[in-house]
Amino acid sequence: MSKFLPCSIVVTYDENRQQLILQCVMPERLSSALKGASEIPVLLDEFNFKIDDEFVRRFGGGIVKLLSMGQPDLKQYMTFTESPLDKLSEG
């Protein structure tokens, strides 16, 4: 089995093809393109270092929401709940 090297993931929404595209890129190839780019840190300690179903749901939803801010056509396909599911059931 070949070893999968550490990589960064680039997520793009292609409006013409109506596709979300994921690309695995070596981090050193991105370094110059990312100079001056905004960072949105996700602090794992705020999630008790648990990458569970709820974390992944919210993380993925956050990525899609960010994409839709720059490409509003994507919003027509979005029907997910942004709040944590456990907080919705309490209210």
PDB file of N, CA and C in Angstrom:
ATOM      1  N   MET A   1       0.848  -1.168   0.000  1.00  0.00           N
ATOM      2  CA  MET A   1       0.000   0.000   0.000  1.00  0.00           C
ATOM      3  C   MET A   1       0.896   1.235   0.000  1.00  0.00           C
ATOM      4  N   SER A   2       0.586   2.194  -0.868  1.00  0.00           N
ATOM      5  CA  SER A   2       1.394   3.409  -0.930  1.00  0.00           C
ATOM      6  C   SER A   2       1.020   4.344   0.211  1.00  0.00           C
ATOM      7  N   LYS A   3       2.009   5.088   0.642  1.00  0.00           N
ATOM      8  CA  LYS A   3       1.810   6.016   1.752  1.00  0.00           C
ATOM      9  C   LYS A   3       1.218   7.320   1.225  1.00  0.00           C
ATOM     10  N   PHE A   4       0.198   7.823   1.923  1.00  0.00           N
ATOM     11  CA  PHE A   4      -0.426   9.101   1.565  1.00  0.00           C
ATOM     12  C   PHE A   4       0.329  10.185   2.307  1.00  0.00           C
ATOM     13  N   LEU A   5       0.931  11.097   1.581  1.00  0.00           N
ATOM     14  CA  LEU A   5       1.746  12.146   2.181  1.00  0.00           C
ATOM     15  C   LEU A   5       0.866  13.249   2.778  1.00  0.00           C
ATOM     16  N   PRO A   6       1.380  13.974   3.790  1.00  0.00           N
ATOM     17  CA  PRO A   6       0.627  15.100   4.341  1.00  0.00           C
ATOM     18  C   PRO A   6       0.292  16.088   3.221  1.00  0.00           C
ATOM     19  N   CYS A   7      -0.924  16.599   3.260  1.00  0.00           N
ATOM     20  CA  CYS A   7      -1.337  17.520   2.209  1.00  0.00           C
ATOM     21  C   CYS A   7      -2.306  18.556   2.756  1.00  0.00           C
ATOM     22  N   SER A   8      -2.517  19.580   1.976  1.00  0.00           N
ATOM     23  CA  SER A   8      -3.567  20.560   2.234  1.00  0.00           C
ATOM     24  C   SER A   8      -4.696  20.245   1.265  1.00  0.00           C
ATOM     25  N   ILE A   9      -5.907  20.614   1.649  1.00  0.00           N
ATOM     26  CA  ILE A   9      -7.057  20.370   0.799  1.00  0.00           C
ATOM     27  C   ILE A   9      -7.600  21.713   0.330  1.00  0.00           C
ATOM     28  N   VAL A  10      -7.752  21.861  -0.955  1.00  0.00           N
ATOM     29  CA  VAL A  10      -8.347  23.059  -1.545  1.00  0.00           C
ATOM     30  C   VAL A  10      -9.757  22.667  -1.969  1.00  0.00           C
ATOM     31  N   VAL A  11     -10.750  23.450  -1.530  1.00  0.00           N
ATOM     32  CA  VAL A  11     -12.147  23.175  -1.874  1.00  0.00           C
ATOM     33  C   VAL A  11     -12.636  24.300  -2.783  1.00  0.00           C
ATOM     34  N   THR A  12     -13.170  23.932  -3.922  1.00  0.00           N
ATOM     35  CA  THR A  12     -13.640  24.898  -4.901  1.00  0.00           C
ATOM     36  C   THR A  12     -15.052  24.519  -5.334  1.00  0.00           C
ATOM     37  N   TYR A  13     -15.881  25.533  -5.551  1.00  0.00           N
ATOM     38  CA  TYR A  13     -17.184  25.292  -6.164  1.00  0.00           C
ATOM     39  C   TYR A  13     -17.116  25.802  -7.594  1.00  0.00           C
ATOM     40  N   ASP A  14     -17.330  24.908  -8.559  1.00  0.00           N
ATOM     41  CA  ASP A  14     -17.334  25.270  -9.971  1.00  0.00           C
ATOM     42  C   ASP A  14     -18.786  25.495 -10.381  1.00  0.00           C
ATOM     43  N   GLU A  15     -19.167  26.765 -10.537  1.00  0.00           N
ATOM     44  CA  GLU A  15     -20.560  27.109 -10.854  1.00  0.00           C
ATOM     45  C   GLU A  15     -20.997  26.547 -12.196  1.00  0.00           C
ATOM     46  N   ASN A  16     -20.115  26.554 -13.188  1.00  0.00           N
ATOM     47  CA  ASN A  16     -20.486  26.066 -14.524  1.00  0.00           C
ATOM     48  C   ASN A  16     -20.818  24.579 -14.522  1.00  0.00           C
ATOM     49  N   ARG A  17     -20.012  23.805 -13.809  1.00  0.00           N
ATOM     50  CA  ARG A  17     -20.251  22.357 -13.750  1.00  0.00           C
ATOM     51  C   ARG A  17     -21.114  21.956 -12.572  1.00  0.00           C
ATOM     52  N   GLN A  18     -21.438  22.921 -11.690  1.00  0.00           N
ATOM     53  CA  GLN A  18     -22.209  22.680 -10.470  1.00  0.00           C
ATOM     54  C   GLN A  18     -21.604  21.509  -9.685  1.00  0.00           C
ATOM     55  N   GLN A  19     -20.309  21.661  -9.373  1.00  0.00           N
ATOM     56  CA  GLN A  19     -19.563  20.634  -8.652  1.00  0.00           C
ATOM     57  C   GLN A  19     -18.724  21.263  -7.559  1.00  0.00           C
ATOM     58  N   LEU A  20     -18.639  20.568  -6.443  1.00  0.00           N
ATOM     59  CA  LEU A  20     -17.642  20.874  -5.429  1.00  0.00           C
ATOM     60  C   LEU A  20     -16.420  20.054  -5.807  1.00  0.00           C
ATOM     61  N   ILE A  21     -15.267  20.683  -5.838  1.00  0.00           N
ATOM     62  CA  ILE A  21     -14.042  20.010  -6.253  1.00  0.00           C
ATOM     63  C   ILE A  21     -13.042  20.076  -5.110  1.00  0.00           C
ATOM     64  N   LEU A  22     -12.514  18.931  -4.727  1.00  0.00           N
ATOM     65  CA  LEU A  22     -11.473  18.840  -3.701  1.00  0.00           C
ATOM     66  C   LEU A  22     -10.153  18.515  -4.394  1.00  0.00           C
ATOM     67  N   GLN A  23      -9.098  19.227  -3.999  1.00  0.00           N
ATOM     68  CA  GLN A  23      -7.776  18.966  -4.548  1.00  0.00           C
ATOM     69  C   GLN A  23      -6.786  18.814  -3.396  1.00  0.00           C
ATOM     70  N   CYS A  24      -5.993  17.770  -3.451  1.00  0.00           N
ATOM     71  CA  CYS A  24      -4.934  17.550  -2.462  1.00  0.00           C
ATOM     72  C   CYS A  24      -3.653  18.178  -3.014  1.00  0.00           C
ATOM     73  N   VAL A  25      -3.058  19.059  -2.215  1.00  0.00           N
ATOM     74  CA  VAL A  25      -1.880  19.805  -2.658  1.00  0.00           C
ATOM     75  C   VAL A  25      -0.819  19.742  -1.561  1.00  0.00           C
ATOM     76  N   MET A  26       0.418  19.606  -1.960  1.00  0.00           N
ATOM     77  CA  MET A  26       1.504  19.627  -0.998  1.00  0.00           C
ATOM     78  C   MET A  26       1.567  21.022  -0.374  1.00  0.00           C
ATOM     79  N   PRO A  27       1.618  21.135   0.952  1.00  0.00           N
ATOM     80  CA  PRO A  27       1.594  22.445   1.615  1.00  0.00           C
ATOM     81  C   PRO A  27       2.639  23.432   1.103  1.00  0.00           C
ATOM     82  N   GLU A  28       3.823  22.953   0.792  1.00  0.00           N
ATOM     83  CA  GLU A  28       4.871  23.868   0.329  1.00  0.00           C
ATOM     84  C   GLU A  28       4.529  24.490  -1.033  1.00  0.00           C
ATOM     85  N   ARG A  29       3.684  23.847  -1.816  1.00  0.00           N
ATOM     86  CA  ARG A  29       3.276  24.413  -3.109  1.00  0.00           C
ATOM     87  C   ARG A  29       2.263  25.538  -2.933  1.00  0.00           C
ATOM     88  N   LEU A  30       1.604  25.583  -1.781  1.00  0.00           N
ATOM     89  CA  LEU A  30       0.596  26.605  -1.519  1.00  0.00           C
ATOM     90  C   LEU A  30       1.149  27.834  -0.795  1.00  0.00           C
ATOM     91  N   SER A  31       2.314  27.711  -0.200  1.00  0.00           N
ATOM     92  CA  SER A  31       2.805  28.756   0.700  1.00  0.00           C
ATOM     93  C   SER A  31       2.813  30.147   0.073  1.00  0.00           C
ATOM     94  N   SER A  32       3.274  30.300  -1.147  1.00  0.00           N
ATOM     95  CA  SER A  32       3.307  31.638  -1.749  1.00  0.00           C
ATOM     96  C   SER A  32       1.900  32.139  -2.078  1.00  0.00           C
ATOM     97  N   ALA A  33       1.002  31.252  -2.465  1.00  0.00           N
ATOM     98  CA  ALA A  33      -0.375  31.654  -2.789  1.00  0.00           C
ATOM     99  C   ALA A  33      -1.137  32.083  -1.538  1.00  0.00           C
ATOM    100  N   LEU A  34      -0.743  31.581  -0.382  1.00  0.00           N
ATOM    101  CA  LEU A  34      -1.460  31.878   0.856  1.00  0.00           C
ATOM    102  C   LEU A  34      -0.924  33.089   1.610  1.00  0.00           C
ATOM    103  N   LYS A  35       0.144  33.694   1.127  1.00  0.00           N
ATOM    104  CA  LYS A  35       0.687  34.884   1.807  1.00  0.00           C
ATOM    105  C   LYS A  35      -0.369  35.976   1.830  1.00  0.00           C
ATOM    106  N   GLY A  36      -0.668  36.472   3.017  1.00  0.00           N
ATOM    107  CA  GLY A  36      -1.643  37.537   3.177  1.00  0.00           C
ATOM    108  C   GLY A  36      -3.095  37.069   3.176  1.00  0.00           C
ATOM    109  N   ALA A  37      -3.320  35.773   3.015  1.00  0.00           N
ATOM    110  CA  ALA A  37      -4.691  35.251   3.004  1.00  0.00           C
ATOM    111  C   ALA A  37      -5.250  35.225   4.427  1.00  0.00           C
ATOM    112  N   SER A  38      -6.546  35.381   4.540  1.00  0.00           N
ATOM    113  CA  SER A  38      -7.211  35.306   5.846  1.00  0.00           C
ATOM    114  C   SER A  38      -7.136  33.881   6.373  1.00  0.00           C
ATOM    115  N   GLU A  39      -6.967  33.771   7.670  1.00  0.00           N
ATOM    116  CA  GLU A  39      -6.978  32.466   8.328  1.00  0.00           C
ATOM    117  C   GLU A  39      -8.180  32.391   9.248  1.00  0.00           C
ATOM    118  N   ILE A  40      -8.811  31.249   9.266  1.00  0.00           N
ATOM    119  CA  ILE A  40      -9.919  30.994  10.186  1.00  0.00           C
ATOM    120  C   ILE A  40      -9.528  29.752  10.988  1.00  0.00           C
ATOM    121  N   PRO A  41      -8.910  29.958  12.145  1.00  0.00           N
ATOM    122  CA  PRO A  41      -8.459  28.798  12.920  1.00  0.00           C
ATOM    123  C   PRO A  41      -9.642  28.043  13.532  1.00  0.00           C
ATOM    124  N   VAL A  42      -9.507  26.753  13.551  1.00  0.00           N
ATOM    125  CA  VAL A  42     -10.462  25.886  14.244  1.00  0.00           C
ATOM    126  C   VAL A  42      -9.669  25.257  15.391  1.00  0.00           C
ATOM    127  N   LEU A  43      -9.970  25.694  16.603  1.00  0.00           N
ATOM    128  CA  LEU A  43      -9.196  25.260  17.772  1.00  0.00           C
ATOM    129  C   LEU A  43      -9.763  23.947  18.301  1.00  0.00           C
ATOM    130  N   LEU A  44      -8.993  22.894  18.147  1.00  0.00           N
ATOM    131  CA  LEU A  44      -9.475  21.567  18.551  1.00  0.00           C
ATOM    132  C   LEU A  44      -9.747  21.481  20.044  1.00  0.00           C
ATOM    133  N   ASP A  45      -9.034  22.262  20.858  1.00  0.00           N
ATOM    134  CA  ASP A  45      -9.291  22.194  22.298  1.00  0.00           C
ATOM    135  C   ASP A  45     -10.704  22.674  22.647  1.00  0.00           C
ATOM    136  N   GLU A  46     -11.286  23.552  21.813  1.00  0.00           N
ATOM    137  CA  GLU A  46     -12.658  23.996  22.048  1.00  0.00           C
ATOM    138  C   GLU A  46     -13.671  22.873  21.804  1.00  0.00           C
ATOM    139  N   PHE A  47     -13.225  21.822  21.168  1.00  0.00           N
ATOM    140  CA  PHE A  47     -14.072  20.661  20.899  1.00  0.00           C
ATOM    141  C   PHE A  47     -13.581  19.447  21.683  1.00  0.00           C
ATOM    142  N   ASN A  48     -12.828  19.702  22.748  1.00  0.00           N
ATOM    143  CA  ASN A  48     -12.254  18.640  23.585  1.00  0.00           C
ATOM    144  C   ASN A  48     -11.462  17.625  22.762  1.00  0.00           C
ATOM    145  N   PHE A  49     -10.833  18.121  21.712  1.00  0.00           N
ATOM    146  CA  PHE A  49     -10.009  17.287  20.832  1.00  0.00           C
ATOM    147  C   PHE A  49     -10.781  16.086  20.288  1.00  0.00           C
ATOM    148  N   LYS A  50     -12.077  16.269  20.061  1.00  0.00           N
ATOM    149  CA  LYS A  50     -12.922  15.204  19.507  1.00  0.00           C
ATOM    150  C   LYS A  50     -13.367  15.600  18.108  1.00  0.00           C
ATOM    151  N   ILE A  51     -12.914  14.841  17.144  1.00  0.00           N
ATOM    152  CA  ILE A  51     -13.383  15.037  15.777  1.00  0.00           C
ATOM    153  C   ILE A  51     -14.446  13.980  15.543  1.00  0.00           C
ATOM    154  N   ASP A  52     -15.636  14.290  16.047  1.00  0.00           N
ATOM    155  CA  ASP A  52     -16.753  13.347  15.993  1.00  0.00           C
ATOM    156  C   ASP A  52     -17.762  13.772  14.924  1.00  0.00           C
ATOM    157  N   ASP A  53     -18.900  13.087  14.883  1.00  0.00           N
ATOM    158  CA  ASP A  53     -19.922  13.370  13.871  1.00  0.00           C
ATOM    159  C   ASP A  53     -20.355  14.832  13.893  1.00  0.00           C
ATOM    160  N   GLU A  54     -20.585  15.387  15.075  1.00  0.00           N
ATOM    161  CA  GLU A  54     -21.053  16.761  15.192  1.00  0.00           C
ATOM    162  C   GLU A  54     -19.984  17.745  14.718  1.00  0.00           C
ATOM    163  N   PHE A  55     -18.734  17.499  15.092  1.00  0.00           N
ATOM    164  CA  PHE A  55     -17.638  18.361  14.639  1.00  0.00           C
ATOM    165  C   PHE A  55     -17.559  18.354  13.118  1.00  0.00           C
ATOM    166  N   VAL A  56     -17.579  17.180  12.528  1.00  0.00           N
ATOM    167  CA  VAL A  56     -17.446  17.052  11.076  1.00  0.00           C
ATOM    168  C   VAL A  56     -18.632  17.701  10.369  1.00  0.00           C
ATOM    169  N   ARG A  57     -19.832  17.554  10.904  1.00  0.00           N
ATOM    170  CA  ARG A  57     -21.022  18.159  10.313  1.00  0.00           C
ATOM    171  C   ARG A  57     -20.883  19.684  10.305  1.00  0.00           C
ATOM    172  N   ARG A  58     -20.489  20.242  11.438  1.00  0.00           N
ATOM    173  CA  ARG A  58     -20.351  21.693  11.538  1.00  0.00           C
ATOM    174  C   ARG A  58     -19.170  22.215  10.720  1.00  0.00           C
ATOM    175  N   PHE A  59     -18.073  21.478  10.697  1.00  0.00           N
ATOM    176  CA  PHE A  59     -16.891  21.875   9.933  1.00  0.00           C
ATOM    177  C   PHE A  59     -17.216  21.908   8.440  1.00  0.00           C
ATOM    178  N   GLY A  60     -17.823  20.846   7.947  1.00  0.00           N
ATOM    179  CA  GLY A  60     -18.207  20.787   6.535  1.00  0.00           C
ATOM    180  C   GLY A  60     -19.213  21.870   6.187  1.00  0.00           C
ATOM    181  N   GLY A  61     -20.188  22.089   7.077  1.00  0.00           N
ATOM    182  CA  GLY A  61     -21.170  23.144   6.850  1.00  0.00           C
ATOM    183  C   GLY A  61     -20.527  24.514   6.808  1.00  0.00           C
ATOM    184  N   GLY A  62     -19.531  24.721   7.655  1.00  0.00           N
ATOM    185  CA  GLY A  62     -18.817  25.995   7.666  1.00  0.00           C
ATOM    186  C   GLY A  62     -18.061  26.242   6.367  1.00  0.00           C
ATOM    187  N   ILE A  63     -17.470  25.195   5.830  1.00  0.00           N
ATOM    188  CA  ILE A  63     -16.746  25.325   4.561  1.00  0.00           C
ATOM    189  C   ILE A  63     -17.714  25.679   3.433  1.00  0.00           C
ATOM    190  N   VAL A  64     -18.852  24.978   3.377  1.00  0.00           N
ATOM    191  CA  VAL A  64     -19.834  25.259   2.325  1.00  0.00           C
ATOM    192  C   VAL A  64     -20.391  26.685   2.480  1.00  0.00           C
ATOM    193  N   LYS A  65     -20.620  27.094   3.722  1.00  0.00           N
ATOM    194  CA  LYS A  65     -21.125  28.455   3.952  1.00  0.00           C
ATOM    195  C   LYS A  65     -20.105  29.500   3.488  1.00  0.00           C
ATOM    196  N   LEU A  66     -18.823  29.284   3.777  1.00  0.00           N
ATOM    197  CA  LEU A  66     -17.783  30.207   3.311  1.00  0.00           C
ATOM    198  C   LEU A  66     -17.738  30.275   1.786  1.00  0.00           C
ATOM    199  N   LEU A  67     -17.824  29.120   1.141  1.00  0.00           N
ATOM    200  CA  LEU A  67     -17.839  29.111  -0.322  1.00  0.00           C
ATOM    201  C   LEU A  67     -19.024  29.914  -0.860  1.00  0.00           C
ATOM    202  N   SER A  68     -20.175  29.756  -0.223  1.00  0.00           N
ATOM    203  CA  SER A  68     -21.386  30.422  -0.709  1.00  0.00           C
ATOM    204  C   SER A  68     -21.343  31.934  -0.508  1.00  0.00           C
ATOM    205  N   MET A  69     -20.521  32.403   0.414  1.00  0.00           N
ATOM    206  CA  MET A  69     -20.394  33.850   0.613  1.00  0.00           C
ATOM    207  C   MET A  69     -19.790  34.519  -0.629  1.00  0.00           C
ATOM    208  N   GLY A  70     -18.899  33.825  -1.303  1.00  0.00           N
ATOM    209  CA  GLY A  70     -18.286  34.363  -2.510  1.00  0.00           C
ATOM    210  C   GLY A  70     -18.972  33.909  -3.778  1.00  0.00           C
ATOM    211  N   GLN A  71     -19.774  32.857  -3.666  1.00  0.00           N
ATOM    212  CA  GLN A  71     -20.488  32.320  -4.822  1.00  0.00           C
ATOM    213  C   GLN A  71     -21.938  32.045  -4.406  1.00  0.00           C
ATOM    214  N   PRO A  72     -22.752  33.093  -4.351  1.00  0.00           N
ATOM    215  CA  PRO A  72     -24.116  32.986  -3.835  1.00  0.00           C
ATOM    216  C   PRO A  72     -25.004  31.973  -4.560  1.00  0.00           C
ATOM    217  N   ASP A  73     -24.668  31.605  -5.794  1.00  0.00           N
ATOM    218  CA  ASP A  73     -25.475  30.601  -6.502  1.00  0.00           C
ATOM    219  C   ASP A  73     -25.497  29.266  -5.765  1.00  0.00           C
ATOM    220  N   LEU A  74     -24.490  29.008  -4.960  1.00  0.00           N
ATOM    221  CA  LEU A  74     -24.424  27.761  -4.200  1.00  0.00           C
ATOM    222  C   LEU A  74     -25.511  27.682  -3.135  1.00  0.00           C
ATOM    223  N   LYS A  75     -25.966  28.834  -2.643  1.00  0.00           N
ATOM    224  CA  LYS A  75     -26.959  28.865  -1.555  1.00  0.00           C
ATOM    225  C   LYS A  75     -28.251  28.147  -1.897  1.00  0.00           C
ATOM    226  N   GLN A  76     -28.620  28.100  -3.163  1.00  0.00           N
ATOM    227  CA  GLN A  76     -29.863  27.444  -3.546  1.00  0.00           C
ATOM    228  C   GLN A  76     -29.860  25.948  -3.234  1.00  0.00           C
ATOM    229  N   TYR A  77     -28.706  25.357  -3.042  1.00  0.00           N
ATOM    230  CA  TYR A  77     -28.597  23.927  -2.757  1.00  0.00           C
ATOM    231  C   TYR A  77     -28.459  23.638  -1.265  1.00  0.00           C
ATOM    232  N   MET A  78     -28.299  24.670  -0.446  1.00  0.00           N
ATOM    233  CA  MET A  78     -28.005  24.483   0.976  1.00  0.00           C
ATOM    234  C   MET A  78     -29.294  24.368   1.787  1.00  0.00           C
ATOM    235  N   THR A  79     -29.397  23.261   2.529  1.00  0.00           N
ATOM    236  CA  THR A  79     -30.559  23.063   3.402  1.00  0.00           C
ATOM    237  C   THR A  79     -30.148  22.559   4.782  1.00  0.00           C
ATOM    238  N   PHE A  80     -28.878  22.678   5.123  1.00  0.00           N
ATOM    239  CA  PHE A  80     -28.396  22.140   6.394  1.00  0.00           C
ATOM    240  C   PHE A  80     -28.651  23.097   7.549  1.00  0.00           C
ATOM    241  N   THR A  81     -28.653  22.539   8.754  1.00  0.00           N
ATOM    242  CA  THR A  81     -28.834  23.308   9.984  1.00  0.00           C
ATOM    243  C   THR A  81     -27.464  23.747  10.482  1.00  0.00           C
ATOM    244  N   GLU A  82     -27.312  25.038  10.751  1.00  0.00           N
ATOM    245  CA  GLU A  82     -26.010  25.548  11.162  1.00  0.00           C
ATOM    246  C   GLU A  82     -25.743  25.361  12.652  1.00  0.00           C
ATOM    247  N   SER A  83     -26.778  25.347  13.477  1.00  0.00           N
ATOM    248  CA  SER A  83     -26.593  25.206  14.926  1.00  0.00           C
ATOM    249  C   SER A  83     -26.232  23.764  15.278  1.00  0.00           C
ATOM    250  N   PRO A  84     -25.539  23.572  16.415  1.00  0.00           N
ATOM    251  CA  PRO A  84     -25.273  22.201  16.864  1.00  0.00           C
ATOM    252  C   PRO A  84     -26.599  21.459  17.065  1.00  0.00           C
ATOM    253  N   LEU A  85     -26.649  20.215  16.656  1.00  0.00           N
ATOM    254  CA  LEU A  85     -27.887  19.442  16.739  1.00  0.00           C
ATOM    255  C   LEU A  85     -28.377  19.274  18.171  1.00  0.00           C
ATOM    256  N   ASP A  86     -27.452  19.091  19.140  1.00  0.00           N
ATOM    257  CA  ASP A  86     -27.880  18.897  20.533  1.00  0.00           C
ATOM    258  C   ASP A  86     -28.542  20.152  21.094  1.00  0.00           C
ATOM    259  N   LYS A  87     -28.104  21.330  20.651  1.00  0.00           N
ATOM    260  CA  LYS A  87     -28.716  22.571  21.129  1.00  0.00           C
ATOM    261  C   LYS A  87     -30.091  22.780  20.518  1.00  0.00           C
ATOM    262  N   LEU A  88     -30.298  22.265  19.313  1.00  0.00           N
ATOM    263  CA  LEU A  88     -31.607  22.378  18.670  1.00  0.00           C
ATOM    264  C   LEU A  88     -32.647  21.528  19.407  1.00  0.00           C
ATOM    265  N   SER A  89     -32.221  20.333  19.836  1.00  0.00           N
ATOM    266  CA  SER A  89     -33.170  19.439  20.512  1.00  0.00           C
ATOM    267  C   SER A  89     -33.516  19.937  21.913  1.00  0.00           C
ATOM    268  N   GLU A  90     -32.615  20.721  22.530  1.00  0.00           N
ATOM    269  CA  GLU A  90     -32.884  21.274  23.853  1.00  0.00           C
ATOM    270  C   GLU A  90     -33.898  22.414  23.792  1.00  0.00           C
ATOM    271  N   GLY A  91     -33.904  23.171  22.693  1.00  0.00           N
ATOM    272  CA  GLY A  91     -34.732  24.367  22.567  1.00  0.00           C
ATOM    273  C   GLY A  91     -36.051  24.038  22.046  1.00  0.00           C
TER     274      GLY A  91
END
